[in-house]
């Protein structure tokens, strides 16, 4: 470990290789061997060692190995693979700031720069889309207003029809009432006329009775004579 901290990477690699010879495929030793090889520029050995260290059950060690594999592929200009390993490292350890920085930095580099024409086209497309949405909203609003006007007109016509029917009913009722009043008035006049005739007959009868009485008295007087 001291060899690596002292940047004695050749000695550090030999140290880790000796541990691997003694203990077999040790994940921590593979990680150390990979880090030393990476610093020496032996990217192929570093790649193989970091891949072997992924067999560890230590999640923290796995996350560091994935991060270092990302660096290894980045050095080999394999940016897609590097991005994939940085992303896997973040999945295991979301707090790894260096992995997050490298991932975002490399992802930004992967995105093609936008030229002015492309940006202008996008702005025009957005404006066209906004205008189209405004036209659709306006058309929808006009359609709703037209439907409301038609409905109001239908309601008004229906009210007028109902009012006309009510007026007709009222007029018919008034006519019937007038006819009934006229009929009753005619009956009353007929009754009054009949009563007048009856009174006249009664009056005539009284006169006749008086005349009869007068004649009877006259006859009686005459007989007495």
Protein backbone atom coordinates (compact mmCIF):
# COMPACT_ATOMS: atom_id res chain seq x y z
CA UNK A 1 0.00 0.00 0.00
CA UNK A 2 2.88 2.37 0.83
CA UNK A 3 4.35 1.84 -2.64
CA UNK A 4 1.11 3.06 -4.24
CA UNK A 5 0.81 6.11 -1.95
CA UNK A 6 4.44 6.94 -2.70
CA UNK A 7 3.61 6.67 -6.42
CA UNK A 8 5.94 3.69 -6.76
CA UNK A 9 3.49 2.02 -9.11
CA UNK A 10 5.86 -0.67 -10.44
CA UNK A 11 6.62 -1.83 -6.93
CA UNK A 12 2.95 -1.59 -5.97
CA UNK A 13 1.93 -3.80 -8.89
CA UNK A 14 4.54 -6.39 -7.98
CA UNK A 15 3.32 -6.33 -4.38
CA UNK A 16 -0.31 -7.02 -5.35
CA UNK A 17 0.74 -9.72 -7.79
CA UNK A 18 2.65 -11.46 -5.03
CA UNK A 19 -0.45 -11.43 -2.86
CA UNK A 20 -2.46 -12.92 -5.70
CA UNK A 21 0.11 -15.69 -6.11
CA UNK A 22 -0.09 -16.51 -2.42
CA UNK A 23 -3.85 -16.13 -1.82
CA UNK A 24 -5.32 -16.83 -5.20
CA UNK A 25 -7.90 -14.58 -6.81
CA UNK A 26 -8.23 -11.99 -4.03
CA UNK A 27 -10.67 -9.20 -5.01
CA UNK A 28 -8.92 -6.47 -3.00
CA UNK A 29 -5.51 -7.46 -4.43
CA UNK A 30 -7.00 -7.47 -7.94
CA UNK A 31 -8.29 -3.94 -7.33
CA UNK A 32 -4.84 -2.78 -6.14
CA UNK A 33 -3.15 -4.43 -9.11
CA UNK A 34 -5.63 -2.72 -11.46
CA UNK A 35 -5.06 0.72 -9.90
CA UNK A 36 -1.28 0.31 -10.13
CA UNK A 37 -1.49 -0.88 -13.75
CA UNK A 38 -3.74 2.05 -14.64
CA UNK A 39 -1.21 4.52 -13.23
CA UNK A 40 1.54 2.80 -15.23
CA UNK A 41 -0.55 3.16 -18.42
CA UNK A 42 -1.14 -0.58 -18.74
CA UNK A 43 -4.82 -0.19 -19.45
CA UNK A 44 -5.45 -3.76 -20.56
CA UNK A 45 -4.06 -5.23 -17.31
CA UNK A 46 -5.98 -2.59 -15.36
CA UNK A 47 -9.20 -3.55 -17.15
CA UNK A 48 -8.77 -7.25 -16.44
CA UNK A 49 -7.92 -6.64 -12.78
CA UNK A 50 -10.89 -4.34 -12.15
CA UNK A 51 -13.20 -6.88 -13.80
CA UNK A 52 -11.87 -9.59 -11.45
CA UNK A 53 -12.39 -7.32 -8.43
CA UNK A 54 -16.10 -7.05 -9.30
CA UNK A 55 -16.45 -10.60 -7.94
CA UNK A 56 -16.09 -9.17 -4.46
CA UNK A 57 -19.09 -9.24 -2.13
CA UNK A 58 -18.08 -5.79 -0.89
CA UNK A 59 -20.47 -3.36 -2.62
CA UNK A 60 -18.21 -0.41 -1.92
CA UNK A 61 -15.31 -2.15 -3.65
CA UNK A 62 -17.56 -3.04 -6.59
CA UNK A 63 -18.61 0.62 -6.99
CA UNK A 64 -14.97 1.76 -7.01
CA UNK A 65 -14.03 -0.92 -9.53
CA UNK A 66 -16.88 0.15 -11.82
CA UNK A 67 -15.74 3.77 -11.55
CA UNK A 68 -12.17 2.79 -12.42
CA UNK A 69 -13.40 0.70 -15.35
CA UNK A 70 -15.17 3.83 -16.56
CA UNK A 71 -11.89 5.71 -16.39
CA UNK A 72 -10.11 2.89 -18.21
CA UNK A 73 -12.57 2.87 -21.10
CA UNK A 74 -12.49 6.67 -21.24
CA UNK A 75 -8.71 6.52 -21.64
CA UNK A 76 -9.24 4.10 -24.52
CA UNK A 77 -11.71 6.63 -26.03
CA UNK A 78 -14.62 4.27 -25.60
CA UNK A 79 -17.02 6.83 -24.26
CA UNK A 80 -20.22 4.77 -24.52
CA UNK A 81 -18.70 1.99 -22.39
CA UNK A 82 -17.27 4.55 -19.97
CA UNK A 83 -20.71 6.14 -19.52
CA UNK A 84 -22.23 2.75 -18.82
CA UNK A 85 -19.70 1.98 -16.07
CA UNK A 86 -20.05 5.42 -14.47
CA UNK A 87 -23.82 4.90 -14.41
CA UNK A 88 -23.45 1.45 -12.80
CA UNK A 89 -21.06 2.92 -10.22
CA UNK A 90 -23.69 5.56 -9.33
CA UNK A 91 -26.38 2.92 -9.03
CA UNK A 92 -24.30 1.18 -6.36
CA UNK A 93 -23.11 4.39 -4.71
CA UNK A 94 -25.27 7.44 -5.52
CA UNK A 95 -23.05 9.58 -3.22
CA UNK A 96 -19.96 9.14 -5.42
CA UNK A 97 -19.41 12.76 -6.54
CA UNK A 98 -16.50 11.90 -8.83
CA UNK A 99 -18.52 9.27 -10.70
CA UNK A 100 -21.41 11.72 -11.03
CA UNK A 101 -19.11 14.48 -12.31
CA UNK A 102 -17.41 12.19 -14.85
CA UNK A 103 -20.78 10.82 -16.01
CA UNK A 104 -22.32 14.27 -16.55
CA UNK A 105 -19.12 15.65 -18.13
CA UNK A 106 -18.84 12.76 -20.57
CA UNK A 107 -22.55 12.80 -21.34
CA UNK A 108 -22.32 16.51 -22.17
CA UNK A 109 -19.43 15.79 -24.50
CA UNK A 110 -21.48 13.10 -26.21
CA UNK A 111 -24.28 15.54 -27.08
CA UNK A 112 -23.63 17.31 -30.39
CA UNK A 113 -23.46 21.10 -30.10
CA UNK A 114 -26.44 22.95 -31.46
CA UNK A 115 -25.67 25.35 -34.26
CA UNK A 116 -27.56 28.60 -34.71
CA UNK A 117 -29.59 27.29 -37.64
CA UNK A 118 -30.72 24.26 -35.66
CA UNK A 119 -31.63 26.41 -32.68
CA UNK A 120 -33.50 28.80 -34.97
CA UNK A 121 -35.37 25.90 -36.56
CA UNK A 122 -36.31 24.63 -33.11
CA UNK A 123 -37.54 28.07 -32.12
CA UNK A 124 -39.57 28.31 -35.31
CA UNK A 125 -41.01 24.85 -34.73
CA UNK A 126 -41.95 25.86 -31.20
CA UNK A 127 -43.53 29.08 -32.44
CA UNK A 128 -45.46 27.17 -35.10
CA UNK A 129 -46.62 24.69 -32.51
CA UNK A 130 -47.68 27.49 -30.17
CA UNK A 131 -49.53 29.24 -33.00
CA UNK A 132 -51.23 26.01 -33.99
CA UNK A 133 -52.35 25.44 -30.41
CA UNK A 134 -53.66 29.01 -30.23
CA UNK A 135 -55.56 28.53 -33.51
CA UNK A 136 -57.04 25.29 -32.21
CA UNK A 137 -58.07 26.97 -28.95
CA UNK A 138 -59.61 29.88 -30.88
CA UNK A 139 -61.47 27.53 -33.21
CA UNK A 140 -62.72 25.53 -30.24
CA UNK A 141 -63.87 28.71 -28.49
CA UNK A 142 -65.67 29.97 -31.61
CA UNK A 143 -67.36 26.60 -32.02
CA UNK A 144 -68.51 26.65 -28.40
CA UNK A 145 -69.83 30.21 -28.80
CA UNK A 146 -71.69 29.22 -31.97
CA UNK A 147 -73.21 26.20 -30.23
CA UNK A 148 -74.23 28.39 -27.29
CA UNK A 149 -75.85 30.92 -29.64
CA UNK A 150 -77.77 28.16 -31.41
CA UNK A 151 -78.90 26.76 -28.09
CA UNK A 152 -79.99 30.21 -26.88
CA UNK A 153 -81.92 30.73 -30.12
CA UNK A 154 -83.61 27.35 -29.77
CA UNK A 155 -84.50 28.13 -26.17
CA UNK A 156 -85.89 31.51 -27.21
CA UNK A 157 -87.98 29.95 -29.98
CA UNK A 158 -89.26 27.32 -27.59
CA UNK A 159 -90.22 30.03 -25.08
CA UNK A 160 -92.00 31.99 -27.81
CA UNK A 161 -93.90 28.89 -28.88
CA UNK A 162 -94.91 28.19 -25.30
CA UNK A 163 -95.98 31.82 -24.85
CA UNK A 164 -98.00 31.69 -28.08
CA UNK A 165 -99.72 28.51 -26.93
CA UNK A 166 -100.50 30.12 -23.60
CA UNK A 167 -101.92 33.18 -25.39
CA UNK A 168 -104.05 30.96 -27.61
CA UNK A 169 -105.32 29.03 -24.60
CA UNK A 170 -106.07 32.27 -22.78
CA UNK A 171 -107.85 33.72 -25.82
CA UNK A 172 -109.87 30.52 -26.20
CA UNK A 173 -110.80 30.62 -22.54
CA UNK A 174 -111.84 34.27 -22.86
CA UNK A 175 -113.99 33.44 -25.90
CA UNK A 176 -115.62 30.57 -24.05
CA UNK A 177 -116.22 32.80 -21.07
CA UNK A 178 -117.73 35.52 -23.29
CA UNK A 179 -119.95 32.94 -24.96
CA UNK A 180 -121.01 31.61 -21.60
CA UNK A 181 -121.71 35.12 -20.30
CA UNK A 182 -123.64 35.94 -23.48
CA UNK A 183 -125.62 32.73 -23.10
CA UNK A 184 -126.34 33.45 -19.47
CA UNK A 185 -127.27 37.04 -20.34
CA UNK A 186 -129.59 35.74 -23.07
CA UNK A 187 -131.16 33.35 -20.63
CA UNK A 188 -131.58 36.14 -18.12
CA UNK A 189 -133.21 38.35 -20.73
CA UNK A 190 -135.49 35.52 -21.80
CA UNK A 191 -136.39 34.90 -18.18
CA UNK A 192 -137.03 38.58 -17.60
CA UNK A 193 -139.14 38.78 -20.73
CA UNK A 194 -141.07 35.68 -19.66
CA UNK A 195 -141.63 37.21 -16.26
CA UNK A 196 -142.79 40.43 -17.91
CA UNK A 197 -145.25 38.51 -20.06
CA UNK A 198 -146.45 36.55 -17.06
CA UNK A 199 -146.91 39.76 -15.11
CA UNK A 200 -148.80 41.25 -18.03
CA UNK A 201 -151.04 38.20 -18.21
CA UNK A 202 -151.60 38.36 -14.50
CA UNK A 203 -152.43 42.05 -14.81
CA UNK A 204 -154.84 41.35 -17.63
CA UNK A 205 -156.42 38.64 -15.56
CA UNK A 206 -156.93 41.06 -12.70
CA UNK A 207 -158.55 43.50 -15.02
CA UNK A 208 -160.80 40.84 -16.41
CA UNK A 209 -161.63 39.76 -12.91
CA UNK A 210 -162.48 43.32 -11.99
CA UNK A 211 -164.60 43.65 -15.08
CA UNK A 212 -166.37 40.39 -14.27
CA UNK A 213 -166.96 41.56 -10.75
CA UNK A 214 -168.22 44.86 -12.03
CA UNK A 215 -170.61 43.11 -14.40
CA UNK A 216 -171.75 40.76 -11.66
CA UNK A 217 -172.49 43.68 -9.38
CA UNK A 218 -174.28 45.40 -12.19
CA UNK A 219 -176.44 42.36 -12.82
CA UNK A 220 -177.15 41.99 -9.17
CA UNK A 221 -178.22 45.51 -8.82
CA UNK A 222 -180.38 45.18 -11.81
CA UNK A 223 -182.07 42.10 -10.47
CA UNK A 224 -182.75 43.73 -7.18
CA UNK A 225 -184.49 46.39 -9.04
